[in-house]
């Protein structure tokens, strides 16, 4: 879940800069701009979304640089890449918040985070019942968001009206 303010995103950006410095990796302006967009975002951005934001900020950074920077961010452990089955990856900053899952709209692509506290409590029980040692997990629920469902209901209602 995202923090109430962007202090967490700014903290992640500083941690990324330190991570680069510790590994003697260049802290280039394009890499920093990409990191700032991803680490302070409240969305799960795709490469296209990142490129769009860069253009809005007046920056012209090539796709190869964006992809290399994203690989570095993922390697740092401060960003997670998600494949929600859309044919491209989305990137999420790894805030120090609780575990969460994702609701993914299969029509509009909206991704909504939700808390998985009850699921977290259930994991040891399910794992123990099956003699399984749990290391990590990911929860993704695919379906239709409220807006898309409401649009379907409205379309059905309009189609059912006599003309």
N, C-alpha and C. Protein backbone atom coordinates (compact mmCIF):
# COMPACT_ATOMS: atom_id res chain seq x y z
N UNK A 1 0.85 -1.17 0.00
CA UNK A 1 0.00 0.00 0.00
C UNK A 1 0.90 1.23 0.00
N UNK A 2 0.41 2.27 -0.59
CA UNK A 2 1.22 3.47 -0.72
C UNK A 2 1.12 4.33 0.53
N UNK A 3 2.22 4.98 0.87
CA UNK A 3 2.20 5.85 2.04
C UNK A 3 1.33 7.08 1.77
N UNK A 4 0.93 7.77 2.85
CA UNK A 4 0.08 8.94 2.72
C UNK A 4 0.78 10.09 2.02
N UNK A 5 2.08 10.21 2.20
CA UNK A 5 2.81 11.27 1.52
C UNK A 5 3.91 10.63 0.68
N UNK A 6 4.68 11.44 0.03
CA UNK A 6 5.71 10.90 -0.84
C UNK A 6 7.07 10.81 -0.16
N UNK A 7 7.11 10.94 1.16
CA UNK A 7 8.38 10.84 1.88
C UNK A 7 9.01 9.48 1.66
N UNK A 8 8.19 8.44 1.61
CA UNK A 8 8.70 7.10 1.39
C UNK A 8 9.37 6.98 0.02
N UNK A 9 8.77 7.57 -1.00
CA UNK A 9 9.34 7.56 -2.34
C UNK A 9 10.66 8.30 -2.39
N UNK A 10 10.72 9.43 -1.72
CA UNK A 10 11.98 10.20 -1.67
C UNK A 10 13.06 9.41 -0.92
N UNK A 11 12.65 8.71 0.14
CA UNK A 11 13.61 7.88 0.88
C UNK A 11 14.15 6.76 -0.01
N UNK A 12 13.27 6.13 -0.79
CA UNK A 12 13.70 5.08 -1.70
C UNK A 12 14.68 5.62 -2.73
N UNK A 13 14.42 6.82 -3.22
CA UNK A 13 15.31 7.44 -4.20
C UNK A 13 16.69 7.66 -3.60
N UNK A 14 16.76 8.13 -2.36
CA UNK A 14 18.05 8.31 -1.69
C UNK A 14 18.75 6.96 -1.48
N UNK A 15 17.99 5.96 -1.11
CA UNK A 15 18.57 4.62 -0.95
C UNK A 15 19.13 4.10 -2.27
N UNK A 16 18.42 4.37 -3.37
CA UNK A 16 18.90 3.94 -4.69
C UNK A 16 20.20 4.65 -5.05
N UNK A 17 20.26 5.94 -4.78
CA UNK A 17 21.50 6.70 -5.06
C UNK A 17 22.66 6.14 -4.25
N UNK A 18 22.42 5.80 -2.99
CA UNK A 18 23.47 5.21 -2.15
C UNK A 18 23.87 3.84 -2.68
N UNK A 19 22.90 3.07 -3.09
CA UNK A 19 23.15 1.73 -3.64
C UNK A 19 24.06 1.83 -4.86
N UNK A 20 23.78 2.78 -5.75
CA UNK A 20 24.62 2.99 -6.93
C UNK A 20 26.05 3.35 -6.52
N UNK A 21 26.15 4.28 -5.58
CA UNK A 21 27.47 4.75 -5.13
C UNK A 21 28.28 3.61 -4.51
N UNK A 22 27.64 2.77 -3.69
CA UNK A 22 28.33 1.65 -3.05
C UNK A 22 28.89 0.66 -4.07
N UNK A 23 28.26 0.58 -5.23
CA UNK A 23 28.68 -0.36 -6.27
C UNK A 23 29.49 0.31 -7.38
N UNK A 24 29.81 1.58 -7.15
CA UNK A 24 30.59 2.36 -8.12
C UNK A 24 29.91 2.39 -9.49
N UNK A 25 28.58 2.47 -9.48
CA UNK A 25 27.81 2.58 -10.72
C UNK A 25 27.50 4.05 -10.97
N UNK A 26 27.47 4.46 -12.21
CA UNK A 26 27.23 5.88 -12.50
C UNK A 26 25.83 6.32 -12.10
N UNK A 27 25.76 7.49 -11.50
CA UNK A 27 24.47 8.10 -11.14
C UNK A 27 24.18 9.17 -12.19
N UNK A 28 23.76 8.70 -13.36
CA UNK A 28 23.51 9.62 -14.48
C UNK A 28 22.19 10.34 -14.29
N UNK A 29 22.06 11.47 -14.94
CA UNK A 29 20.80 12.24 -14.88
C UNK A 29 19.62 11.43 -15.41
N UNK A 30 19.75 10.75 -16.58
CA UNK A 30 18.61 9.95 -17.05
C UNK A 30 18.22 8.85 -16.06
N UNK A 31 19.20 8.16 -15.50
CA UNK A 31 18.91 7.09 -14.54
C UNK A 31 18.20 7.65 -13.32
N UNK A 32 18.64 8.80 -12.85
CA UNK A 32 18.04 9.44 -11.69
C UNK A 32 16.61 9.89 -11.99
N UNK A 33 16.38 10.41 -13.17
CA UNK A 33 15.03 10.86 -13.54
C UNK A 33 14.07 9.66 -13.60
N UNK A 34 14.52 8.57 -14.18
CA UNK A 34 13.70 7.36 -14.28
C UNK A 34 13.42 6.82 -12.88
N UNK A 35 14.45 6.75 -12.05
CA UNK A 35 14.29 6.26 -10.67
C UNK A 35 13.30 7.14 -9.91
N UNK A 36 13.41 8.45 -10.06
CA UNK A 36 12.50 9.37 -9.35
C UNK A 36 11.05 9.12 -9.77
N UNK A 37 10.82 8.89 -11.05
CA UNK A 37 9.45 8.65 -11.52
C UNK A 37 8.90 7.36 -10.95
N UNK A 38 9.68 6.30 -11.01
CA UNK A 38 9.20 4.99 -10.55
C UNK A 38 9.07 4.95 -9.03
N UNK A 39 10.07 5.44 -8.32
CA UNK A 39 10.09 5.32 -6.86
C UNK A 39 9.10 6.24 -6.15
N UNK A 40 8.67 7.31 -6.79
CA UNK A 40 7.70 8.21 -6.17
C UNK A 40 6.30 8.05 -6.74
N UNK A 41 6.13 7.09 -7.64
CA UNK A 41 4.83 6.90 -8.28
C UNK A 41 3.84 6.21 -7.36
N UNK A 42 2.59 6.55 -7.52
CA UNK A 42 1.50 5.88 -6.81
C UNK A 42 0.82 4.86 -7.73
N UNK A 43 1.41 4.65 -8.90
CA UNK A 43 0.87 3.70 -9.88
C UNK A 43 1.87 2.60 -10.15
N UNK A 44 1.42 1.56 -10.80
CA UNK A 44 2.29 0.49 -11.29
C UNK A 44 2.55 0.84 -12.75
N UNK A 45 3.65 1.54 -12.98
CA UNK A 45 3.92 2.10 -14.30
C UNK A 45 4.52 1.08 -15.26
N UNK A 46 4.12 1.19 -16.52
CA UNK A 46 4.74 0.42 -17.60
C UNK A 46 5.86 1.27 -18.18
N UNK A 47 6.65 0.70 -19.08
CA UNK A 47 7.69 1.45 -19.75
C UNK A 47 7.07 2.62 -20.52
N UNK A 48 5.93 2.38 -21.18
CA UNK A 48 5.25 3.46 -21.90
C UNK A 48 4.83 4.58 -20.95
N UNK A 49 4.32 4.21 -19.78
CA UNK A 49 3.93 5.21 -18.79
C UNK A 49 5.11 6.02 -18.29
N UNK A 50 6.23 5.35 -18.09
CA UNK A 50 7.45 6.04 -17.65
C UNK A 50 7.92 7.00 -18.74
N UNK A 51 7.94 6.52 -19.98
CA UNK A 51 8.38 7.36 -21.10
C UNK A 51 7.46 8.58 -21.25
N UNK A 52 6.16 8.38 -21.08
CA UNK A 52 5.20 9.48 -21.17
C UNK A 52 5.48 10.54 -20.10
N UNK A 53 5.74 10.08 -18.88
CA UNK A 53 6.04 11.03 -17.79
C UNK A 53 7.35 11.77 -18.05
N UNK A 54 8.34 11.08 -18.60
CA UNK A 54 9.60 11.74 -18.93
C UNK A 54 9.36 12.84 -19.96
N UNK A 55 8.57 12.54 -20.97
CA UNK A 55 8.26 13.54 -22.00
C UNK A 55 7.51 14.73 -21.41
N UNK A 56 6.58 14.45 -20.49
CA UNK A 56 5.84 15.53 -19.83
C UNK A 56 6.78 16.44 -19.05
N UNK A 57 7.87 15.86 -18.56
CA UNK A 57 8.88 16.63 -17.82
C UNK A 57 9.91 17.26 -18.76
N UNK A 58 9.72 17.08 -20.07
CA UNK A 58 10.62 17.68 -21.06
C UNK A 58 11.88 16.89 -21.32
N UNK A 59 11.93 15.64 -20.89
CA UNK A 59 13.12 14.82 -21.09
C UNK A 59 12.92 13.87 -22.28
N UNK A 60 13.94 13.71 -23.05
CA UNK A 60 13.93 12.78 -24.18
C UNK A 60 14.95 11.69 -23.89
N UNK A 61 14.48 10.60 -23.32
CA UNK A 61 15.36 9.49 -22.94
C UNK A 61 14.93 8.27 -23.73
N UNK A 62 15.88 7.61 -24.37
CA UNK A 62 15.59 6.45 -25.21
C UNK A 62 15.10 5.24 -24.44
N UNK A 63 14.41 4.38 -25.15
CA UNK A 63 13.86 3.16 -24.54
C UNK A 63 14.95 2.26 -23.96
N UNK A 64 16.08 2.15 -24.65
CA UNK A 64 17.15 1.29 -24.15
C UNK A 64 17.63 1.77 -22.78
N UNK A 65 17.75 3.08 -22.61
CA UNK A 65 18.16 3.64 -21.31
C UNK A 65 17.11 3.37 -20.25
N UNK A 66 15.85 3.50 -20.63
CA UNK A 66 14.76 3.24 -19.68
C UNK A 66 14.81 1.77 -19.23
N UNK A 67 14.93 0.86 -20.18
CA UNK A 67 14.97 -0.57 -19.83
C UNK A 67 16.18 -0.91 -18.97
N UNK A 68 17.35 -0.38 -19.31
CA UNK A 68 18.55 -0.64 -18.50
C UNK A 68 18.40 -0.09 -17.09
N UNK A 69 17.83 1.11 -16.98
CA UNK A 69 17.63 1.72 -15.66
C UNK A 69 16.64 0.91 -14.83
N UNK A 70 15.59 0.41 -15.47
CA UNK A 70 14.61 -0.40 -14.75
C UNK A 70 15.23 -1.71 -14.27
N UNK A 71 16.08 -2.32 -15.11
CA UNK A 71 16.77 -3.54 -14.68
C UNK A 71 17.63 -3.26 -13.45
N UNK A 72 18.29 -2.10 -13.44
CA UNK A 72 19.13 -1.73 -12.30
C UNK A 72 18.28 -1.49 -11.06
N UNK A 73 17.14 -0.84 -11.22
CA UNK A 73 16.24 -0.60 -10.09
C UNK A 73 15.73 -1.92 -9.51
N UNK A 74 15.37 -2.85 -10.37
CA UNK A 74 14.90 -4.17 -9.91
C UNK A 74 16.04 -4.89 -9.19
N UNK A 75 17.24 -4.84 -9.77
CA UNK A 75 18.40 -5.48 -9.15
C UNK A 75 18.69 -4.90 -7.76
N UNK A 76 18.42 -3.62 -7.58
CA UNK A 76 18.65 -2.98 -6.28
C UNK A 76 17.70 -3.48 -5.19
N UNK A 77 16.60 -4.10 -5.60
CA UNK A 77 15.60 -4.57 -4.65
C UNK A 77 14.61 -3.51 -4.23
N UNK A 78 14.72 -2.32 -4.79
CA UNK A 78 13.83 -1.22 -4.43
C UNK A 78 12.60 -1.13 -5.33
N UNK A 79 12.60 -1.91 -6.39
CA UNK A 79 11.49 -1.94 -7.34
C UNK A 79 11.19 -3.39 -7.68
N UNK A 80 9.92 -3.69 -7.82
CA UNK A 80 9.50 -5.03 -8.24
C UNK A 80 8.84 -4.92 -9.61
N UNK A 81 9.18 -5.85 -10.49
CA UNK A 81 8.55 -5.92 -11.80
C UNK A 81 7.40 -6.92 -11.72
N UNK A 82 6.27 -6.55 -12.30
CA UNK A 82 5.09 -7.43 -12.33
C UNK A 82 4.70 -7.70 -13.77
N UNK A 83 4.32 -8.93 -14.02
CA UNK A 83 3.73 -9.30 -15.30
C UNK A 83 2.30 -9.71 -15.01
N UNK A 84 1.37 -8.82 -15.32
CA UNK A 84 -0.04 -9.09 -15.05
C UNK A 84 -0.74 -9.73 -16.24
N UNK A 85 0.04 -10.31 -17.17
CA UNK A 85 -0.53 -11.00 -18.33
C UNK A 85 -0.99 -10.07 -19.42
N UNK A 86 -0.47 -8.85 -19.45
CA UNK A 86 -0.88 -7.87 -20.45
C UNK A 86 0.08 -7.79 -21.64
N UNK A 87 1.17 -8.56 -21.57
CA UNK A 87 2.16 -8.52 -22.64
C UNK A 87 3.28 -7.53 -22.37
N UNK A 88 3.28 -6.91 -21.20
CA UNK A 88 4.35 -6.00 -20.80
C UNK A 88 4.43 -6.01 -19.28
N UNK A 89 5.55 -5.50 -18.77
CA UNK A 89 5.74 -5.46 -17.32
C UNK A 89 5.34 -4.10 -16.76
N UNK A 90 4.96 -4.11 -15.50
CA UNK A 90 4.71 -2.89 -14.74
C UNK A 90 5.66 -2.89 -13.55
N UNK A 91 5.98 -1.69 -13.07
CA UNK A 91 6.99 -1.56 -12.03
C UNK A 91 6.42 -0.86 -10.82
N UNK A 92 6.76 -1.43 -9.64
CA UNK A 92 6.20 -0.94 -8.38
C UNK A 92 7.33 -0.68 -7.39
N UNK A 93 7.33 0.51 -6.77
CA UNK A 93 8.33 0.77 -5.73
C UNK A 93 8.06 -0.12 -4.52
N UNK A 94 9.11 -0.59 -3.88
CA UNK A 94 8.98 -1.49 -2.74
C UNK A 94 9.07 -0.69 -1.44
N UNK A 95 7.96 -0.06 -1.09
CA UNK A 95 7.87 0.67 0.17
C UNK A 95 7.92 -0.32 1.32
N UNK A 96 8.23 0.15 2.48
CA UNK A 96 8.35 -0.72 3.66
C UNK A 96 6.99 -1.05 4.24
N UNK A 97 5.97 -1.03 3.42
CA UNK A 97 4.61 -1.28 3.92
C UNK A 97 4.33 -2.77 3.98
N UNK A 98 3.17 -3.09 4.51
CA UNK A 98 2.76 -4.48 4.66
C UNK A 98 2.60 -5.15 3.30
N UNK A 99 2.57 -6.48 3.35
CA UNK A 99 2.31 -7.24 2.13
C UNK A 99 0.98 -6.80 1.55
N UNK A 100 0.88 -6.88 0.25
CA UNK A 100 -0.37 -6.53 -0.40
C UNK A 100 -0.53 -7.35 -1.66
N UNK A 101 -1.76 -7.41 -2.13
CA UNK A 101 -2.06 -8.09 -3.37
C UNK A 101 -2.50 -7.08 -4.41
N UNK A 102 -2.80 -7.58 -5.60
CA UNK A 102 -3.20 -6.71 -6.70
C UNK A 102 -4.50 -7.20 -7.33
N UNK A 103 -5.41 -6.29 -7.53
CA UNK A 103 -6.63 -6.54 -8.31
C UNK A 103 -6.35 -5.95 -9.69
N UNK A 104 -6.40 -6.77 -10.73
CA UNK A 104 -6.04 -6.33 -12.07
C UNK A 104 -7.27 -6.41 -12.97
N UNK A 105 -7.69 -5.25 -13.51
CA UNK A 105 -8.84 -5.23 -14.40
C UNK A 105 -8.40 -5.73 -15.78
N UNK A 106 -9.04 -6.78 -16.25
CA UNK A 106 -8.65 -7.36 -17.53
C UNK A 106 -9.15 -6.54 -18.72
N UNK A 107 -9.98 -5.54 -18.47
CA UNK A 107 -10.45 -4.69 -19.57
C UNK A 107 -9.65 -3.40 -19.66
N UNK A 108 -9.61 -2.62 -18.59
CA UNK A 108 -8.95 -1.30 -18.67
C UNK A 108 -7.51 -1.32 -18.17
N UNK A 109 -7.10 -2.41 -17.51
CA UNK A 109 -5.72 -2.53 -17.04
C UNK A 109 -5.45 -1.87 -15.70
N UNK A 110 -6.47 -1.31 -15.06
CA UNK A 110 -6.26 -0.68 -13.75
C UNK A 110 -5.76 -1.71 -12.75
N UNK A 111 -4.77 -1.30 -11.95
CA UNK A 111 -4.24 -2.15 -10.90
C UNK A 111 -4.54 -1.48 -9.56
N UNK A 112 -5.22 -2.20 -8.68
CA UNK A 112 -5.56 -1.70 -7.36
C UNK A 112 -4.90 -2.60 -6.33
N UNK A 113 -4.22 -1.98 -5.38
CA UNK A 113 -3.60 -2.75 -4.30
C UNK A 113 -4.62 -2.98 -3.20
N UNK A 114 -4.48 -4.12 -2.52
CA UNK A 114 -5.30 -4.38 -1.35
C UNK A 114 -4.45 -5.09 -0.31
N UNK A 115 -4.82 -4.90 0.94
CA UNK A 115 -4.10 -5.51 2.04
C UNK A 115 -4.44 -6.99 2.10
N UNK A 116 -3.46 -7.80 2.42
CA UNK A 116 -3.67 -9.24 2.51
C UNK A 116 -3.43 -9.76 3.92
N UNK A 117 -3.77 -8.95 4.93
CA UNK A 117 -3.49 -9.34 6.31
C UNK A 117 -4.10 -10.70 6.68
N UNK A 118 -5.35 -10.93 6.32
CA UNK A 118 -5.99 -12.20 6.65
C UNK A 118 -5.31 -13.35 5.92
N UNK A 119 -4.95 -13.11 4.67
CA UNK A 119 -4.24 -14.11 3.89
C UNK A 119 -2.88 -14.42 4.52
N UNK A 120 -2.21 -13.38 4.99
CA UNK A 120 -0.90 -13.56 5.63
C UNK A 120 -1.02 -14.47 6.85
N UNK A 121 -2.10 -14.32 7.60
CA UNK A 121 -2.30 -15.17 8.78
C UNK A 121 -2.65 -16.61 8.37
N UNK A 122 -3.26 -16.77 7.20
CA UNK A 122 -3.66 -18.09 6.73
C UNK A 122 -2.49 -18.87 6.13
N UNK A 123 -1.48 -18.18 5.61
CA UNK A 123 -0.35 -18.85 4.93
C UNK A 123 0.31 -19.93 5.78
N UNK A 124 0.69 -19.65 7.04
CA UNK A 124 1.33 -20.73 7.82
C UNK A 124 0.42 -21.93 8.04
N UNK A 125 -0.86 -21.68 8.18
CA UNK A 125 -1.82 -22.78 8.40
C UNK A 125 -1.89 -23.66 7.16
N UNK A 126 -2.08 -23.04 6.00
CA UNK A 126 -2.17 -23.80 4.75
C UNK A 126 -0.85 -24.52 4.47
N UNK A 127 0.24 -23.82 4.66
CA UNK A 127 1.56 -24.43 4.41
C UNK A 127 1.77 -25.64 5.32
N UNK A 128 1.44 -25.50 6.61
CA UNK A 128 1.61 -26.59 7.56
C UNK A 128 0.73 -27.78 7.21
N UNK A 129 -0.52 -27.52 6.82
CA UNK A 129 -1.43 -28.61 6.45
C UNK A 129 -0.89 -29.45 5.31
N UNK A 130 -0.10 -28.85 4.44
CA UNK A 130 0.42 -29.56 3.27
C UNK A 130 1.91 -29.90 3.40
N UNK A 131 2.47 -29.70 4.62
CA UNK A 131 3.87 -30.01 4.83
C UNK A 131 4.78 -29.18 3.94
N UNK A 132 4.40 -27.96 3.73
CA UNK A 132 5.10 -27.07 2.79
C UNK A 132 5.77 -25.94 3.55
N UNK A 133 7.00 -25.63 3.17
CA UNK A 133 7.69 -24.49 3.79
C UNK A 133 7.59 -23.29 2.86
N UNK A 134 6.85 -22.30 3.29
CA UNK A 134 6.58 -21.10 2.48
C UNK A 134 7.77 -20.15 2.51
N UNK A 135 8.19 -19.65 1.34
CA UNK A 135 9.27 -18.66 1.25
C UNK A 135 8.75 -17.29 0.84
N UNK A 136 7.89 -17.29 -0.15
CA UNK A 136 7.34 -16.02 -0.64
C UNK A 136 6.05 -16.33 -1.38
N UNK A 137 5.29 -15.30 -1.67
CA UNK A 137 4.05 -15.48 -2.41
C UNK A 137 3.70 -14.17 -3.13
N UNK A 138 2.73 -14.29 -4.02
CA UNK A 138 2.22 -13.13 -4.74
C UNK A 138 0.73 -13.38 -4.97
N UNK A 139 -0.08 -12.37 -4.70
CA UNK A 139 -1.51 -12.50 -4.89
C UNK A 139 -1.95 -11.53 -5.98
N UNK A 140 -2.51 -12.09 -7.05
CA UNK A 140 -3.07 -11.29 -8.13
C UNK A 140 -4.46 -11.84 -8.42
N UNK A 141 -5.44 -10.96 -8.43
CA UNK A 141 -6.80 -11.35 -8.76
C UNK A 141 -7.18 -10.60 -10.02
N UNK A 142 -7.52 -11.35 -11.06
CA UNK A 142 -7.87 -10.74 -12.35
C UNK A 142 -9.38 -10.77 -12.52
N UNK A 143 -9.93 -9.69 -13.05
CA UNK A 143 -11.37 -9.59 -13.26
C UNK A 143 -11.71 -8.22 -13.81
N UNK A 144 -12.89 -7.72 -13.45
CA UNK A 144 -13.34 -6.41 -13.92
C UNK A 144 -13.46 -5.45 -12.75
N UNK A 145 -12.92 -4.24 -12.94
CA UNK A 145 -13.03 -3.21 -11.91
C UNK A 145 -14.46 -2.68 -11.87
N UNK A 146 -14.75 -1.90 -10.86
CA UNK A 146 -16.09 -1.35 -10.68
C UNK A 146 -16.53 -0.51 -11.87
N UNK A 147 -15.64 0.33 -12.40
CA UNK A 147 -15.99 1.20 -13.52
C UNK A 147 -16.37 0.38 -14.75
N UNK A 148 -15.59 -0.66 -15.05
CA UNK A 148 -15.89 -1.50 -16.21
C UNK A 148 -17.17 -2.31 -16.00
N UNK A 149 -17.38 -2.80 -14.77
CA UNK A 149 -18.62 -3.53 -14.47
C UNK A 149 -19.82 -2.62 -14.60
N UNK A 150 -19.72 -1.40 -14.07
CA UNK A 150 -20.82 -0.44 -14.17
C UNK A 150 -21.11 -0.09 -15.62
N UNK A 151 -20.07 0.02 -16.45
CA UNK A 151 -20.26 0.31 -17.87
C UNK A 151 -21.02 -0.84 -18.54
N UNK A 152 -20.71 -2.08 -18.17
CA UNK A 152 -21.43 -3.24 -18.72
C UNK A 152 -22.89 -3.21 -18.32
N UNK A 153 -23.14 -2.91 -17.06
CA UNK A 153 -24.52 -2.87 -16.57
C UNK A 153 -25.30 -1.78 -17.28
N UNK A 154 -24.68 -0.62 -17.46
CA UNK A 154 -25.34 0.49 -18.17
C UNK A 154 -25.64 0.12 -19.61
N UNK A 155 -24.72 -0.57 -20.27
CA UNK A 155 -24.91 -0.96 -21.66
C UNK A 155 -26.07 -1.95 -21.79
N UNK A 156 -26.15 -2.89 -20.84
CA UNK A 156 -27.24 -3.87 -20.86
C UNK A 156 -28.57 -3.16 -20.62
N UNK A 157 -28.59 -2.22 -19.69
CA UNK A 157 -29.81 -1.49 -19.38
C UNK A 157 -30.27 -0.67 -20.59
N UNK A 158 -29.33 -0.02 -21.28
CA UNK A 158 -29.67 0.77 -22.48
C UNK A 158 -30.18 -0.13 -23.59
N UNK A 159 -29.58 -1.31 -23.74
CA UNK A 159 -29.99 -2.23 -24.79
C UNK A 159 -31.37 -2.79 -24.53
N UNK A 160 -31.76 -2.87 -23.28
CA UNK A 160 -33.06 -3.44 -22.93
C UNK A 160 -34.22 -2.46 -23.02
N UNK A 161 -33.92 -1.18 -23.21
CA UNK A 161 -34.98 -0.17 -23.30
C UNK A 161 -35.65 -0.20 -24.67
N UNK A 162 -36.98 -0.07 -24.70
CA UNK A 162 -37.68 0.01 -26.00
C UNK A 162 -37.37 1.35 -26.66
N UNK A 163 -37.33 1.36 -27.96
CA UNK A 163 -37.02 2.60 -28.69
C UNK A 163 -38.22 3.23 -29.26
